[in-house]
């Protein structure tokens, strides 16, 4: 089933704004002009612009021009799932670093909170996930690894971390490239993962945080190394 026309228009306008066309502070073309350019009705354009406003990408002024906002200061975490990296394109190094640094911060403290708060059901789920990780083929390891971290986030019992993790997962799709190669090293280190789960099961917050940091730093270090080598 094809997406609604307003969705197609929204995606086109959103992608343009995220790419700087038009730039922050500039007016968005009027409903009439956009409808003519896109060959659609004004109602579909109006719905698309309303979604842009809800996403923090434009400011609508009744009776005046709709102006593009600087999404870096007005947008939310949901935009992570809409930036170029999710389309399978070569990611901007600064964008990728930003995503991985947030992943590190959220993951380390989530592991700590999981060790403090996780009920036995979560601990059991993590043990099962570890067994699944041990049996995972190389190309499937990152996907199962992401599922394992879902249990850690659940055990942290922090809705803000859950929503942030959802956005990160959408921006770093473990089933596609370049995510599989980016996370293959940590996803394949079953011994390090076992240390993390053992610390959580023993309700040792500091040990769990240290184990999480050791795992989650790998992709960040690897990315910085590759960027340095490419520009050295």
C-alpha atoms as a PDB file:
ATOM      1  CA  UNK A   1       0.000   0.000   0.000  1.00  0.00           C
ATOM      2  CA  UNK A   2       1.360   3.406  -0.990  1.00  0.00           C
ATOM      3  CA  UNK A   3       1.875   5.959   1.799  1.00  0.00           C
ATOM      4  CA  UNK A   4      -0.538   8.903   1.981  1.00  0.00           C
ATOM      5  CA  UNK A   5       0.333  11.799  -0.282  1.00  0.00           C
ATOM      6  CA  UNK A   6       0.913  14.054   2.735  1.00  0.00           C
ATOM      7  CA  UNK A   7       3.505  11.551   4.047  1.00  0.00           C
ATOM      8  CA  UNK A   8       5.411  11.616   0.755  1.00  0.00           C
ATOM      9  CA  UNK A   9       5.398  15.413   0.770  1.00  0.00           C
ATOM     10  CA  UNK A  10       6.469  15.539   4.412  1.00  0.00           C
ATOM     11  CA  UNK A  11       9.445  13.235   3.778  1.00  0.00           C
ATOM     12  CA  UNK A  12      10.537  15.265   0.764  1.00  0.00           C
ATOM     13  CA  UNK A  13      10.329  18.588   2.619  1.00  0.00           C
ATOM     14  CA  UNK A  14      11.886  17.135   5.788  1.00  0.00           C
ATOM     15  CA  UNK A  15      14.853  15.690   3.920  1.00  0.00           C
ATOM     16  CA  UNK A  16      15.406  19.022   2.208  1.00  0.00           C
ATOM     17  CA  UNK A  17      15.381  20.918   5.515  1.00  0.00           C
ATOM     18  CA  UNK A  18      17.749  18.430   7.164  1.00  0.00           C
ATOM     19  CA  UNK A  19      20.087  18.912   4.202  1.00  0.00           C
ATOM     20  CA  UNK A  20      19.913  22.713   4.490  1.00  0.00           C
ATOM     21  CA  UNK A  21      17.481  23.395   1.632  1.00  0.00           C
ATOM     22  CA  UNK A  22      15.994  25.813   2.578  1.00  0.00           C
ATOM     23  CA  UNK A  23      18.345  26.929   5.322  1.00  0.00           C
ATOM     24  CA  UNK A  24      17.341  27.878   8.850  1.00  0.00           C
ATOM     25  CA  UNK A  25      15.643  31.271   8.927  1.00  0.00           C
ATOM     26  CA  UNK A  26      14.527  31.119   5.327  1.00  0.00           C
ATOM     27  CA  UNK A  27      10.834  30.969   4.423  1.00  0.00           C
ATOM     28  CA  UNK A  28       9.261  27.760   3.230  1.00  0.00           C
ATOM     29  CA  UNK A  29       7.437  28.129  -0.066  1.00  0.00           C
ATOM     30  CA  UNK A  30       3.731  28.872   0.306  1.00  0.00           C
ATOM     31  CA  UNK A  31       1.101  26.126   0.212  1.00  0.00           C
ATOM     32  CA  UNK A  32       0.035  27.286  -3.248  1.00  0.00           C
ATOM     33  CA  UNK A  33       3.571  27.235  -4.637  1.00  0.00           C
ATOM     34  CA  UNK A  34       4.377  23.865  -3.086  1.00  0.00           C
ATOM     35  CA  UNK A  35       1.133  22.375  -4.396  1.00  0.00           C
ATOM     36  CA  UNK A  36       1.983  23.600  -7.900  1.00  0.00           C
ATOM     37  CA  UNK A  37       5.601  22.397  -7.716  1.00  0.00           C
ATOM     38  CA  UNK A  38       4.630  18.971  -6.365  1.00  0.00           C
ATOM     39  CA  UNK A  39       1.516  18.549  -8.470  1.00  0.00           C
ATOM     40  CA  UNK A  40      -0.776  17.927  -5.514  1.00  0.00           C
ATOM     41  CA  UNK A  41      -3.629  19.530  -3.608  1.00  0.00           C
ATOM     42  CA  UNK A  42      -3.099  22.166  -0.928  1.00  0.00           C
ATOM     43  CA  UNK A  43      -4.692  20.006   1.772  1.00  0.00           C
ATOM     44  CA  UNK A  44      -1.893  17.412   1.434  1.00  0.00           C
ATOM     45  CA  UNK A  45       0.710  20.191   1.639  1.00  0.00           C
ATOM     46  CA  UNK A  46      -1.011  21.647   4.717  1.00  0.00           C
ATOM     47  CA  UNK A  47      -0.919  18.278   6.493  1.00  0.00           C
ATOM     48  CA  UNK A  48       2.763  17.837   5.617  1.00  0.00           C
ATOM     49  CA  UNK A  49       3.639  21.307   6.934  1.00  0.00           C
ATOM     50  CA  UNK A  50       1.735  20.564  10.150  1.00  0.00           C
ATOM     51  CA  UNK A  51       3.957  17.512  10.646  1.00  0.00           C
ATOM     52  CA  UNK A  52       7.057  19.617   9.982  1.00  0.00           C
ATOM     53  CA  UNK A  53       5.872  21.979  12.714  1.00  0.00           C
ATOM     54  CA  UNK A  54       5.294  19.093  15.137  1.00  0.00           C
ATOM     55  CA  UNK A  55       8.813  17.831  14.418  1.00  0.00           C
ATOM     56  CA  UNK A  56      10.298  21.233  15.298  1.00  0.00           C
ATOM     57  CA  UNK A  57      11.473  21.882  11.744  1.00  0.00           C
ATOM     58  CA  UNK A  58       9.372  24.951  10.890  1.00  0.00           C
ATOM     59  CA  UNK A  59       7.557  27.769  12.664  1.00  0.00           C
ATOM     60  CA  UNK A  60       4.118  28.498  11.241  1.00  0.00           C
ATOM     61  CA  UNK A  61       2.977  32.112  11.404  1.00  0.00           C
ATOM     62  CA  UNK A  62      -0.698  32.597  10.592  1.00  0.00           C
ATOM     63  CA  UNK A  63      -0.904  35.378   8.063  1.00  0.00           C
ATOM     64  CA  UNK A  64       2.883  35.338   7.554  1.00  0.00           C
ATOM     65  CA  UNK A  65       5.542  33.115   6.083  1.00  0.00           C
ATOM     66  CA  UNK A  66       6.331  29.674   7.465  1.00  0.00           C
ATOM     67  CA  UNK A  67      10.019  29.776   8.349  1.00  0.00           C
ATOM     68  CA  UNK A  68      12.536  26.973   8.630  1.00  0.00           C
ATOM     69  CA  UNK A  69      13.991  26.453  12.099  1.00  0.00           C
ATOM     70  CA  UNK A  70      17.472  25.275  13.024  1.00  0.00           C
ATOM     71  CA  UNK A  71      16.621  21.633  13.726  1.00  0.00           C
ATOM     72  CA  UNK A  72      19.768  21.297  15.869  1.00  0.00           C
ATOM     73  CA  UNK A  73      18.196  23.577  18.475  1.00  0.00           C
ATOM     74  CA  UNK A  74      14.493  22.880  17.932  1.00  0.00           C
ATOM     75  CA  UNK A  75      14.318  19.180  17.065  1.00  0.00           C
ATOM     76  CA  UNK A  76      14.007  16.117  19.271  1.00  0.00           C
ATOM     77  CA  UNK A  77      15.573  12.671  19.459  1.00  0.00           C
ATOM     78  CA  UNK A  78      13.085  11.363  16.912  1.00  0.00           C
ATOM     79  CA  UNK A  79      15.112  13.143  14.215  1.00  0.00           C
ATOM     80  CA  UNK A  80      17.951  10.671  14.768  1.00  0.00           C
ATOM     81  CA  UNK A  81      15.903   8.106  12.867  1.00  0.00           C
ATOM     82  CA  UNK A  82      15.511  10.517   9.945  1.00  0.00           C
ATOM     83  CA  UNK A  83      19.076  11.717   9.408  1.00  0.00           C
ATOM     84  CA  UNK A  84      21.096  10.458   6.385  1.00  0.00           C
ATOM     85  CA  UNK A  85      22.769   7.545   8.217  1.00  0.00           C
ATOM     86  CA  UNK A  86      19.484   5.632   8.332  1.00  0.00           C
ATOM     87  CA  UNK A  87      19.225   5.596   4.556  1.00  0.00           C
ATOM     88  CA  UNK A  88      22.328   3.428   4.288  1.00  0.00           C
ATOM     89  CA  UNK A  89      24.431   6.322   3.033  1.00  0.00           C
ATOM     90  CA  UNK A  90      27.993   6.934   4.199  1.00  0.00           C
ATOM     91  CA  UNK A  91      27.373   8.756   7.497  1.00  0.00           C
ATOM     92  CA  UNK A  92      28.788  12.122   8.353  1.00  0.00           C
ATOM     93  CA  UNK A  93      31.639  11.374  10.830  1.00  0.00           C
ATOM     94  CA  UNK A  94      30.455  13.995  13.311  1.00  0.00           C
ATOM     95  CA  UNK A  95      26.899  12.655  13.192  1.00  0.00           C
ATOM     96  CA  UNK A  96      28.018   9.080  13.690  1.00  0.00           C
ATOM     97  CA  UNK A  97      30.292  10.099  16.576  1.00  0.00           C
ATOM     98  CA  UNK A  98      27.407  11.953  18.207  1.00  0.00           C
ATOM     99  CA  UNK A  99      25.106   8.939  17.977  1.00  0.00           C
ATOM    100  CA  UNK A 100      27.731   6.565  19.354  1.00  0.00           C
ATOM    101  CA  UNK A 101      28.598   8.903  22.229  1.00  0.00           C
ATOM    102  CA  UNK A 102      24.938   9.112  23.240  1.00  0.00           C
ATOM    103  CA  UNK A 103      24.682   5.334  22.940  1.00  0.00           C
ATOM    104  CA  UNK A 104      27.679   5.000  25.266  1.00  0.00           C
ATOM    105  CA  UNK A 105      26.255   7.377  27.888  1.00  0.00           C
ATOM    106  CA  UNK A 106      22.793   5.817  27.863  1.00  0.00           C
ATOM    107  CA  UNK A 107      24.092   2.250  27.755  1.00  0.00           C
ATOM    108  CA  UNK A 108      26.561   2.567  30.626  1.00  0.00           C
ATOM    109  CA  UNK A 109      24.072   4.107  33.029  1.00  0.00           C
ATOM    110  CA  UNK A 110      21.287   1.785  31.850  1.00  0.00           C
ATOM    111  CA  UNK A 111      23.512  -1.186  32.706  1.00  0.00           C
ATOM    112  CA  UNK A 112      24.161   0.326  36.135  1.00  0.00           C
ATOM    113  CA  UNK A 113      20.443   0.887  36.765  1.00  0.00           C
ATOM    114  CA  UNK A 114      19.630  -2.577  35.439  1.00  0.00           C
ATOM    115  CA  UNK A 115      21.994  -4.117  37.987  1.00  0.00           C
ATOM    116  CA  UNK A 116      20.245  -2.114  40.709  1.00  0.00           C
ATOM    117  CA  UNK A 117      16.644  -2.650  39.649  1.00  0.00           C
ATOM    118  CA  UNK A 118      16.236  -5.615  37.317  1.00  0.00           C
ATOM    119  CA  UNK A 119      13.715  -8.220  38.509  1.00  0.00           C
ATOM    120  CA  UNK A 120      14.523 -11.893  38.151  1.00  0.00           C
ATOM    121  CA  UNK A 121      12.480 -12.109  34.948  1.00  0.00           C
ATOM    122  CA  UNK A 122      14.831  -9.646  33.229  1.00  0.00           C
ATOM    123  CA  UNK A 123      17.898 -11.470  34.531  1.00  0.00           C
ATOM    124  CA  UNK A 124      16.492 -14.733  33.153  1.00  0.00           C
ATOM    125  CA  UNK A 125      15.816 -13.066  29.807  1.00  0.00           C
ATOM    126  CA  UNK A 126      19.406 -11.806  29.699  1.00  0.00           C
ATOM    127  CA  UNK A 127      20.752 -15.298  30.373  1.00  0.00           C
ATOM    128  CA  UNK A 128      18.648 -16.666  27.523  1.00  0.00           C
ATOM    129  CA  UNK A 129      19.856 -13.810  25.300  1.00  0.00           C
ATOM    130  CA  UNK A 130      23.455 -14.694  26.138  1.00  0.00           C
ATOM    131  CA  UNK A 131      22.885 -18.289  25.048  1.00  0.00           C
ATOM    132  CA  UNK A 132      21.330 -17.011  21.836  1.00  0.00           C
ATOM    133  CA  UNK A 133      24.331 -14.732  21.294  1.00  0.00           C
ATOM    134  CA  UNK A 134      26.711 -17.677  21.706  1.00  0.00           C
ATOM    135  CA  UNK A 135      24.870 -19.563  18.957  1.00  0.00           C
ATOM    136  CA  UNK A 136      24.415 -16.606  16.610  1.00  0.00           C
ATOM    137  CA  UNK A 137      26.054 -16.721  13.164  1.00  0.00           C
ATOM    138  CA  UNK A 138      28.405 -13.783  12.475  1.00  0.00           C
ATOM    139  CA  UNK A 139      25.925 -11.953  10.261  1.00  0.00           C
ATOM    140  CA  UNK A 140      23.132 -12.340  12.831  1.00  0.00           C
ATOM    141  CA  UNK A 141      25.152 -11.475  15.930  1.00  0.00           C
ATOM    142  CA  UNK A 142      24.523  -7.669  15.816  1.00  0.00           C
ATOM    143  CA  UNK A 143      20.764  -8.225  15.571  1.00  0.00           C
ATOM    144  CA  UNK A 144      20.662 -10.540  18.585  1.00  0.00           C
ATOM    145  CA  UNK A 145      23.044  -8.192  20.393  1.00  0.00           C
ATOM    146  CA  UNK A 146      20.563  -5.344  19.912  1.00  0.00           C
ATOM    147  CA  UNK A 147      17.822  -7.564  21.328  1.00  0.00           C
ATOM    148  CA  UNK A 148      20.015  -8.310  24.355  1.00  0.00           C
ATOM    149  CA  UNK A 149      20.421  -4.599  24.998  1.00  0.00           C
ATOM    150  CA  UNK A 150      16.653  -4.240  24.829  1.00  0.00           C
ATOM    151  CA  UNK A 151      16.485  -6.353  27.978  1.00  0.00           C
ATOM    152  CA  UNK A 152      19.143  -4.202  29.668  1.00  0.00           C
ATOM    153  CA  UNK A 153      17.137  -1.070  28.864  1.00  0.00           C
ATOM    154  CA  UNK A 154      13.959  -2.701  30.170  1.00  0.00           C
ATOM    155  CA  UNK A 155      15.760  -3.660  33.377  1.00  0.00           C
ATOM    156  CA  UNK A 156      16.918  -0.069  33.893  1.00  0.00           C
ATOM    157  CA  UNK A 157      13.239   0.891  34.356  1.00  0.00           C
ATOM    158  CA  UNK A 158      13.813   4.396  32.972  1.00  0.00           C
ATOM    159  CA  UNK A 159      11.337   5.635  30.360  1.00  0.00           C
ATOM    160  CA  UNK A 160      13.683   8.402  29.169  1.00  0.00           C
ATOM    161  CA  UNK A 161      16.392   5.826  28.454  1.00  0.00           C
ATOM    162  CA  UNK A 162      13.847   3.632  26.684  1.00  0.00           C
ATOM    163  CA  UNK A 163      12.735   6.416  24.360  1.00  0.00           C
ATOM    164  CA  UNK A 164      16.323   7.498  23.694  1.00  0.00           C
ATOM    165  CA  UNK A 165      17.302   3.904  22.944  1.00  0.00           C
ATOM    166  CA  UNK A 166      14.354   3.546  20.554  1.00  0.00           C
ATOM    167  CA  UNK A 167      15.606   6.569  18.618  1.00  0.00           C
ATOM    168  CA  UNK A 168      19.182   5.279  18.610  1.00  0.00           C
ATOM    169  CA  UNK A 169      18.087   1.868  17.393  1.00  0.00           C
ATOM    170  CA  UNK A 170      16.108   3.439  14.577  1.00  0.00           C
ATOM    171  CA  UNK A 171      19.181   5.438  13.558  1.00  0.00           C
ATOM    172  CA  UNK A 172      21.545   2.464  13.845  1.00  0.00           C
ATOM    173  CA  UNK A 173      19.530  -0.333  12.258  1.00  0.00           C
ATOM    174  CA  UNK A 174      21.354  -3.502  13.377  1.00  0.00           C
ATOM    175  CA  UNK A 175      20.010  -5.429  10.379  1.00  0.00           C
ATOM    176  CA  UNK A 176      21.640  -3.217   7.777  1.00  0.00           C
ATOM    177  CA  UNK A 177      24.959  -1.839   6.724  1.00  0.00           C
ATOM    178  CA  UNK A 178      27.013  -0.119   7.974  1.00  0.00           C
ATOM    179  CA  UNK A 179      25.692  -1.174  11.404  1.00  0.00           C
ATOM    180  CA  UNK A 180      26.615  -4.846  11.064  1.00  0.00           C
ATOM    181  CA  UNK A 181      30.291  -4.108  10.481  1.00  0.00           C
ATOM    182  CA  UNK A 182      30.275  -1.266  13.009  1.00  0.00           C
ATOM    183  CA  UNK A 183      29.079  -3.483  15.864  1.00  0.00           C
ATOM    184  CA  UNK A 184      30.480  -6.857  14.830  1.00  0.00           C
ATOM    185  CA  UNK A 185      33.448  -6.702  17.248  1.00  0.00           C
ATOM    186  CA  UNK A 186      31.427  -6.108  20.400  1.00  0.00           C
ATOM    187  CA  UNK A 187      28.546  -8.339  19.269  1.00  0.00           C
ATOM    188  CA  UNK A 188      30.978 -11.181  18.722  1.00  0.00           C
ATOM    189  CA  UNK A 189      32.762 -10.881  22.072  1.00  0.00           C
ATOM    190  CA  UNK A 190      30.578 -13.305  23.996  1.00  0.00           C
ATOM    191  CA  UNK A 191      32.989 -13.372  26.945  1.00  0.00           C
ATOM    192  CA  UNK A 192      32.667  -9.617  27.472  1.00  0.00           C
ATOM    193  CA  UNK A 193      28.896  -9.831  27.132  1.00  0.00           C
ATOM    194  CA  UNK A 194      28.865 -12.625  29.720  1.00  0.00           C
ATOM    195  CA  UNK A 195      30.789 -10.402  32.145  1.00  0.00           C
ATOM    196  CA  UNK A 196      28.112  -7.723  31.732  1.00  0.00           C
ATOM    197  CA  UNK A 197      25.242 -10.122  32.338  1.00  0.00           C
ATOM    198  CA  UNK A 198      27.000 -11.761  35.292  1.00  0.00           C
ATOM    199  CA  UNK A 199      27.431  -8.342  36.926  1.00  0.00           C
ATOM    200  CA  UNK A 200      23.759  -7.494  36.370  1.00  0.00           C
ATOM    201  CA  UNK A 201      22.650 -10.878  37.746  1.00  0.00           C
ATOM    202  CA  UNK A 202      24.841 -10.322  40.817  1.00  0.00           C
ATOM    203  CA  UNK A 203      23.355  -6.813  41.266  1.00  0.00           C
ATOM    204  CA  UNK A 204      26.773  -5.161  41.057  1.00  0.00           C
ATOM    205  CA  UNK A 205      26.126  -1.720  39.500  1.00  0.00           C
ATOM    206  CA  UNK A 206      29.735  -0.553  39.185  1.00  0.00           C
ATOM    207  CA  UNK A 207      30.867  -3.811  37.592  1.00  0.00           C
ATOM    208  CA  UNK A 208      27.935  -3.706  35.175  1.00  0.00           C
ATOM    209  CA  UNK A 209      28.732  -0.101  34.196  1.00  0.00           C
ATOM    210  CA  UNK A 210      32.402  -0.955  33.633  1.00  0.00           C
ATOM    211  CA  UNK A 211      31.502  -3.968  31.504  1.00  0.00           C
ATOM    212  CA  UNK A 212      29.046  -1.907  29.442  1.00  0.00           C
ATOM    213  CA  UNK A 213      31.638   0.825  28.900  1.00  0.00           C
ATOM    214  CA  UNK A 214      34.168  -1.737  27.711  1.00  0.00           C
ATOM    215  CA  UNK A 215      31.719  -3.027  25.124  1.00  0.00           C
ATOM    216  CA  UNK A 216      30.122   0.192  23.946  1.00  0.00           C
ATOM    217  CA  UNK A 217      33.394   2.083  23.557  1.00  0.00           C
ATOM    218  CA  UNK A 218      34.587  -0.265  20.827  1.00  0.00           C
ATOM    219  CA  UNK A 219      32.475   1.072  17.989  1.00  0.00           C
ATOM    220  CA  UNK A 220      33.315   4.644  18.980  1.00  0.00           C
ATOM    221  CA  UNK A 221      37.068   3.971  19.086  1.00  0.00           C
ATOM    222  CA  UNK A 222      36.888   2.073  15.802  1.00  0.00           C
ATOM    223  CA  UNK A 223      35.069   4.947  14.133  1.00  0.00           C
ATOM    224  CA  UNK A 224      37.552   7.541  15.402  1.00  0.00           C
ATOM    225  CA  UNK A 225      40.476   5.363  14.262  1.00  0.00           C
ATOM    226  CA  UNK A 226      39.062   4.970  10.767  1.00  0.00           C
ATOM    227  CA  UNK A 227      38.313   8.699  10.525  1.00  0.00           C
ATOM    228  CA  UNK A 228      41.855   9.587  11.652  1.00  0.00           C
ATOM    229  CA  UNK A 229      43.401   7.130   9.182  1.00  0.00           C
ATOM    230  CA  UNK A 230      41.277   8.505   6.337  1.00  0.00           C
ATOM    231  CA  UNK A 231      42.353  12.087   7.103  1.00  0.00           C
ATOM    232  CA  UNK A 232      45.885  11.422   8.315  1.00  0.00           C
END
